[in-house]
Amino acid sequence: MRKTNCAVCEARCPFGSLSLHERSRLNSLIRHHRYEKGETIFAQGNMISGCYMLCEGKVQLAHRTGHTQIVKFLRDGECF
């Protein structure tokens, strides 16, 4: 996992319409991360807090019960 910043996805950011003041307040709550292809973001059963926003790329949501069942693919701009 590599850190990144808002400049990577600013054009797609749903918070782009906020004022600079509002965005600066929001930035204190945001953590930016870049994941490599195939890297697991979190696994079934993990405790998750917060909301993930996909800036660029594709994420596979899957359910594993002996085999992998793909539930959904997420793309740029989607939250999960």
N, C-alpha and C. Protein backbone atom coordinates (compact mmCIF):
# COMPACT_ATOMS: atom_id res chain seq x y z
N MET A 1 0.85 -1.17 0.00
CA MET A 1 0.00 0.00 0.00
C MET A 1 0.89 1.23 0.00
N ARG A 2 0.65 2.15 -0.93
CA ARG A 2 1.38 3.41 -1.01
C ARG A 2 0.43 4.55 -0.74
N LYS A 3 0.91 5.58 -0.08
CA LYS A 3 0.07 6.75 0.16
C LYS A 3 -0.04 7.59 -1.09
N THR A 4 -1.15 8.26 -1.25
CA THR A 4 -1.38 9.16 -2.37
C THR A 4 -2.12 10.38 -1.84
N ASN A 5 -2.57 11.26 -2.71
CA ASN A 5 -3.29 12.44 -2.25
C ASN A 5 -4.44 12.78 -3.18
N CYS A 6 -5.19 13.82 -2.86
CA CYS A 6 -6.39 14.18 -3.62
C CYS A 6 -6.09 14.60 -5.06
N ALA A 7 -4.87 15.03 -5.35
CA ALA A 7 -4.55 15.45 -6.71
C ALA A 7 -4.74 14.32 -7.71
N VAL A 8 -4.64 13.08 -7.24
CA VAL A 8 -4.79 11.91 -8.11
C VAL A 8 -6.20 11.85 -8.70
N CYS A 9 -7.20 12.18 -7.90
CA CYS A 9 -8.58 11.98 -8.36
C CYS A 9 -9.44 13.23 -8.23
N GLU A 10 -8.83 14.38 -8.16
CA GLU A 10 -9.58 15.61 -7.93
C GLU A 10 -10.71 15.82 -8.93
N ALA A 11 -10.52 15.46 -10.18
CA ALA A 11 -11.55 15.68 -11.20
C ALA A 11 -12.80 14.84 -10.93
N ARG A 12 -12.64 13.69 -10.27
CA ARG A 12 -13.78 12.79 -10.01
C ARG A 12 -14.33 12.94 -8.60
N CYS A 13 -13.73 13.78 -7.80
CA CYS A 13 -14.06 13.88 -6.38
C CYS A 13 -15.49 14.41 -6.17
N PRO A 14 -16.32 13.67 -5.44
CA PRO A 14 -17.68 14.14 -5.18
C PRO A 14 -17.70 15.33 -4.23
N PHE A 15 -16.57 15.64 -3.60
CA PHE A 15 -16.50 16.78 -2.69
C PHE A 15 -15.95 18.02 -3.38
N GLY A 16 -15.76 17.95 -4.70
CA GLY A 16 -15.19 19.05 -5.46
C GLY A 16 -16.01 20.33 -5.42
N SER A 17 -17.31 20.21 -5.16
CA SER A 17 -18.16 21.40 -5.13
C SER A 17 -18.12 22.12 -3.78
N LEU A 18 -17.45 21.52 -2.80
CA LEU A 18 -17.34 22.18 -1.49
C LEU A 18 -16.36 23.35 -1.56
N SER A 19 -16.55 24.31 -0.69
CA SER A 19 -15.61 25.44 -0.62
C SER A 19 -14.27 24.95 -0.09
N LEU A 20 -13.23 25.75 -0.29
CA LEU A 20 -11.91 25.39 0.22
C LEU A 20 -11.93 25.19 1.73
N HIS A 21 -12.68 26.02 2.43
CA HIS A 21 -12.80 25.90 3.88
C HIS A 21 -13.45 24.57 4.26
N GLU A 22 -14.53 24.22 3.58
CA GLU A 22 -15.22 22.95 3.87
C GLU A 22 -14.32 21.76 3.55
N ARG A 23 -13.62 21.83 2.43
CA ARG A 23 -12.73 20.72 2.06
C ARG A 23 -11.56 20.58 3.02
N SER A 24 -11.03 21.69 3.52
CA SER A 24 -9.92 21.60 4.46
C SER A 24 -10.37 20.95 5.76
N ARG A 25 -11.59 21.21 6.18
CA ARG A 25 -12.12 20.56 7.39
C ARG A 25 -12.30 19.06 7.13
N LEU A 26 -12.76 18.70 5.95
CA LEU A 26 -12.96 17.30 5.60
C LEU A 26 -11.63 16.56 5.46
N ASN A 27 -10.61 17.24 4.96
CA ASN A 27 -9.31 16.61 4.75
C ASN A 27 -8.70 16.05 6.03
N SER A 28 -9.06 16.62 7.17
CA SER A 28 -8.51 16.10 8.43
C SER A 28 -9.04 14.70 8.74
N LEU A 29 -10.13 14.31 8.09
CA LEU A 29 -10.73 12.99 8.32
C LEU A 29 -10.35 11.97 7.25
N ILE A 30 -9.74 12.44 6.16
CA ILE A 30 -9.46 11.57 5.01
C ILE A 30 -8.06 10.97 5.11
N ARG A 31 -7.97 9.67 4.83
CA ARG A 31 -6.68 9.00 4.70
C ARG A 31 -6.60 8.46 3.29
N HIS A 32 -5.53 8.80 2.58
CA HIS A 32 -5.35 8.39 1.19
C HIS A 32 -4.43 7.18 1.11
N HIS A 33 -4.83 6.21 0.33
CA HIS A 33 -4.00 5.02 0.13
C HIS A 33 -4.10 4.57 -1.32
N ARG A 34 -3.01 4.03 -1.81
CA ARG A 34 -2.99 3.46 -3.16
C ARG A 34 -2.68 1.97 -2.98
N TYR A 35 -3.53 1.13 -3.54
CA TYR A 35 -3.35 -0.32 -3.44
C TYR A 35 -2.88 -0.87 -4.78
N GLU A 36 -2.06 -1.87 -4.73
CA GLU A 36 -1.56 -2.53 -5.92
C GLU A 36 -2.60 -3.51 -6.45
N LYS A 37 -2.55 -3.81 -7.73
CA LYS A 37 -3.44 -4.79 -8.34
C LYS A 37 -3.33 -6.12 -7.58
N GLY A 38 -4.48 -6.67 -7.21
CA GLY A 38 -4.52 -7.94 -6.51
C GLY A 38 -4.38 -7.84 -5.00
N GLU A 39 -4.07 -6.67 -4.50
CA GLU A 39 -3.90 -6.49 -3.06
C GLU A 39 -5.27 -6.48 -2.37
N THR A 40 -5.38 -7.13 -1.24
CA THR A 40 -6.63 -7.17 -0.48
C THR A 40 -6.75 -5.89 0.33
N ILE A 41 -7.87 -5.21 0.22
CA ILE A 41 -8.13 -3.99 0.98
C ILE A 41 -8.60 -4.38 2.38
N PHE A 42 -9.58 -5.24 2.45
CA PHE A 42 -9.99 -5.85 3.71
C PHE A 42 -10.66 -7.18 3.40
N ALA A 43 -10.64 -8.05 4.39
CA ALA A 43 -11.18 -9.39 4.21
C ALA A 43 -12.49 -9.55 4.97
N GLN A 44 -13.25 -10.50 4.53
CA GLN A 44 -14.52 -10.83 5.17
C GLN A 44 -14.28 -11.08 6.66
N GLY A 45 -15.08 -10.45 7.51
CA GLY A 45 -14.95 -10.62 8.95
C GLY A 45 -14.12 -9.55 9.63
N ASN A 46 -13.35 -8.75 8.85
CA ASN A 46 -12.57 -7.66 9.45
C ASN A 46 -13.49 -6.58 9.97
N MET A 47 -13.07 -5.93 11.05
CA MET A 47 -13.80 -4.76 11.55
C MET A 47 -13.41 -3.58 10.67
N ILE A 48 -14.37 -2.91 10.08
CA ILE A 48 -14.11 -1.79 9.18
C ILE A 48 -14.76 -0.54 9.77
N SER A 49 -14.05 0.56 9.75
CA SER A 49 -14.67 1.82 10.16
C SER A 49 -14.44 2.82 9.03
N GLY A 50 -15.45 3.53 8.69
CA GLY A 50 -15.31 4.54 7.66
C GLY A 50 -15.88 4.10 6.33
N CYS A 51 -15.59 4.90 5.36
CA CYS A 51 -16.10 4.71 4.00
C CYS A 51 -14.91 4.75 3.05
N TYR A 52 -14.89 3.87 2.08
CA TYR A 52 -13.84 3.84 1.07
C TYR A 52 -14.38 4.45 -0.21
N MET A 53 -13.59 5.32 -0.83
CA MET A 53 -13.95 5.90 -2.11
C MET A 53 -12.90 5.48 -3.13
N LEU A 54 -13.37 4.93 -4.22
CA LEU A 54 -12.46 4.48 -5.27
C LEU A 54 -12.22 5.63 -6.24
N CYS A 55 -11.01 6.14 -6.25
CA CYS A 55 -10.67 7.27 -7.12
C CYS A 55 -10.35 6.82 -8.53
N GLU A 56 -9.62 5.72 -8.64
CA GLU A 56 -9.18 5.27 -9.95
C GLU A 56 -8.97 3.76 -9.90
N GLY A 57 -9.49 3.07 -10.88
CA GLY A 57 -9.27 1.63 -10.95
C GLY A 57 -10.56 0.83 -10.81
N LYS A 58 -10.40 -0.39 -10.33
CA LYS A 58 -11.52 -1.30 -10.21
C LYS A 58 -11.32 -2.13 -8.95
N VAL A 59 -12.40 -2.36 -8.21
CA VAL A 59 -12.36 -3.18 -7.00
C VAL A 59 -13.37 -4.30 -7.16
N GLN A 60 -12.96 -5.48 -6.80
CA GLN A 60 -13.84 -6.65 -6.85
C GLN A 60 -14.33 -6.94 -5.43
N LEU A 61 -15.65 -6.92 -5.24
CA LEU A 61 -16.23 -7.33 -3.97
C LEU A 61 -16.60 -8.79 -4.12
N ALA A 62 -16.11 -9.62 -3.20
CA ALA A 62 -16.33 -11.05 -3.33
C ALA A 62 -16.69 -11.67 -1.99
N HIS A 63 -17.43 -12.75 -2.06
CA HIS A 63 -17.82 -13.55 -0.89
C HIS A 63 -17.12 -14.89 -1.03
N ARG A 64 -16.41 -15.29 0.02
CA ARG A 64 -15.67 -16.56 -0.05
C ARG A 64 -16.23 -17.57 0.92
N THR A 65 -16.64 -18.72 0.38
CA THR A 65 -17.12 -19.83 1.19
C THR A 65 -16.57 -21.11 0.56
N GLY A 66 -15.27 -21.25 0.57
CA GLY A 66 -14.64 -22.37 -0.12
C GLY A 66 -14.28 -22.02 -1.55
N HIS A 67 -15.13 -21.26 -2.19
CA HIS A 67 -14.83 -20.73 -3.53
C HIS A 67 -15.17 -19.24 -3.52
N THR A 68 -14.71 -18.52 -4.48
CA THR A 68 -14.94 -17.08 -4.54
C THR A 68 -16.15 -16.78 -5.41
N GLN A 69 -17.10 -16.07 -4.84
CA GLN A 69 -18.28 -15.62 -5.58
C GLN A 69 -18.19 -14.10 -5.70
N ILE A 70 -18.03 -13.61 -6.92
CA ILE A 70 -17.94 -12.17 -7.14
C ILE A 70 -19.33 -11.57 -6.96
N VAL A 71 -19.42 -10.61 -6.05
CA VAL A 71 -20.69 -9.95 -5.75
C VAL A 71 -20.89 -8.74 -6.65
N LYS A 72 -19.81 -7.97 -6.84
CA LYS A 72 -19.92 -6.74 -7.62
C LYS A 72 -18.54 -6.22 -7.96
N PHE A 73 -18.43 -5.51 -9.08
CA PHE A 73 -17.23 -4.77 -9.41
C PHE A 73 -17.52 -3.28 -9.21
N LEU A 74 -16.64 -2.59 -8.54
CA LEU A 74 -16.77 -1.15 -8.35
C LEU A 74 -15.77 -0.45 -9.24
N ARG A 75 -16.12 0.75 -9.70
CA ARG A 75 -15.26 1.52 -10.60
C ARG A 75 -15.05 2.93 -10.07
N ASP A 76 -14.28 3.71 -10.81
CA ASP A 76 -13.94 5.09 -10.42
C ASP A 76 -15.15 5.84 -9.87
N GLY A 77 -14.95 6.50 -8.72
CA GLY A 77 -15.97 7.37 -8.14
C GLY A 77 -16.96 6.68 -7.23
N GLU A 78 -16.93 5.35 -7.15
CA GLU A 78 -17.89 4.64 -6.31
C GLU A 78 -17.37 4.53 -4.87
N CYS A 79 -18.30 4.44 -3.94
CA CYS A 79 -17.98 4.30 -2.52
C CYS A 79 -18.43 2.93 -2.04
N PHE A 80 -17.73 2.44 -1.04
CA PHE A 80 -18.13 1.18 -0.41
C PHE A 80 -17.72 1.20 1.06
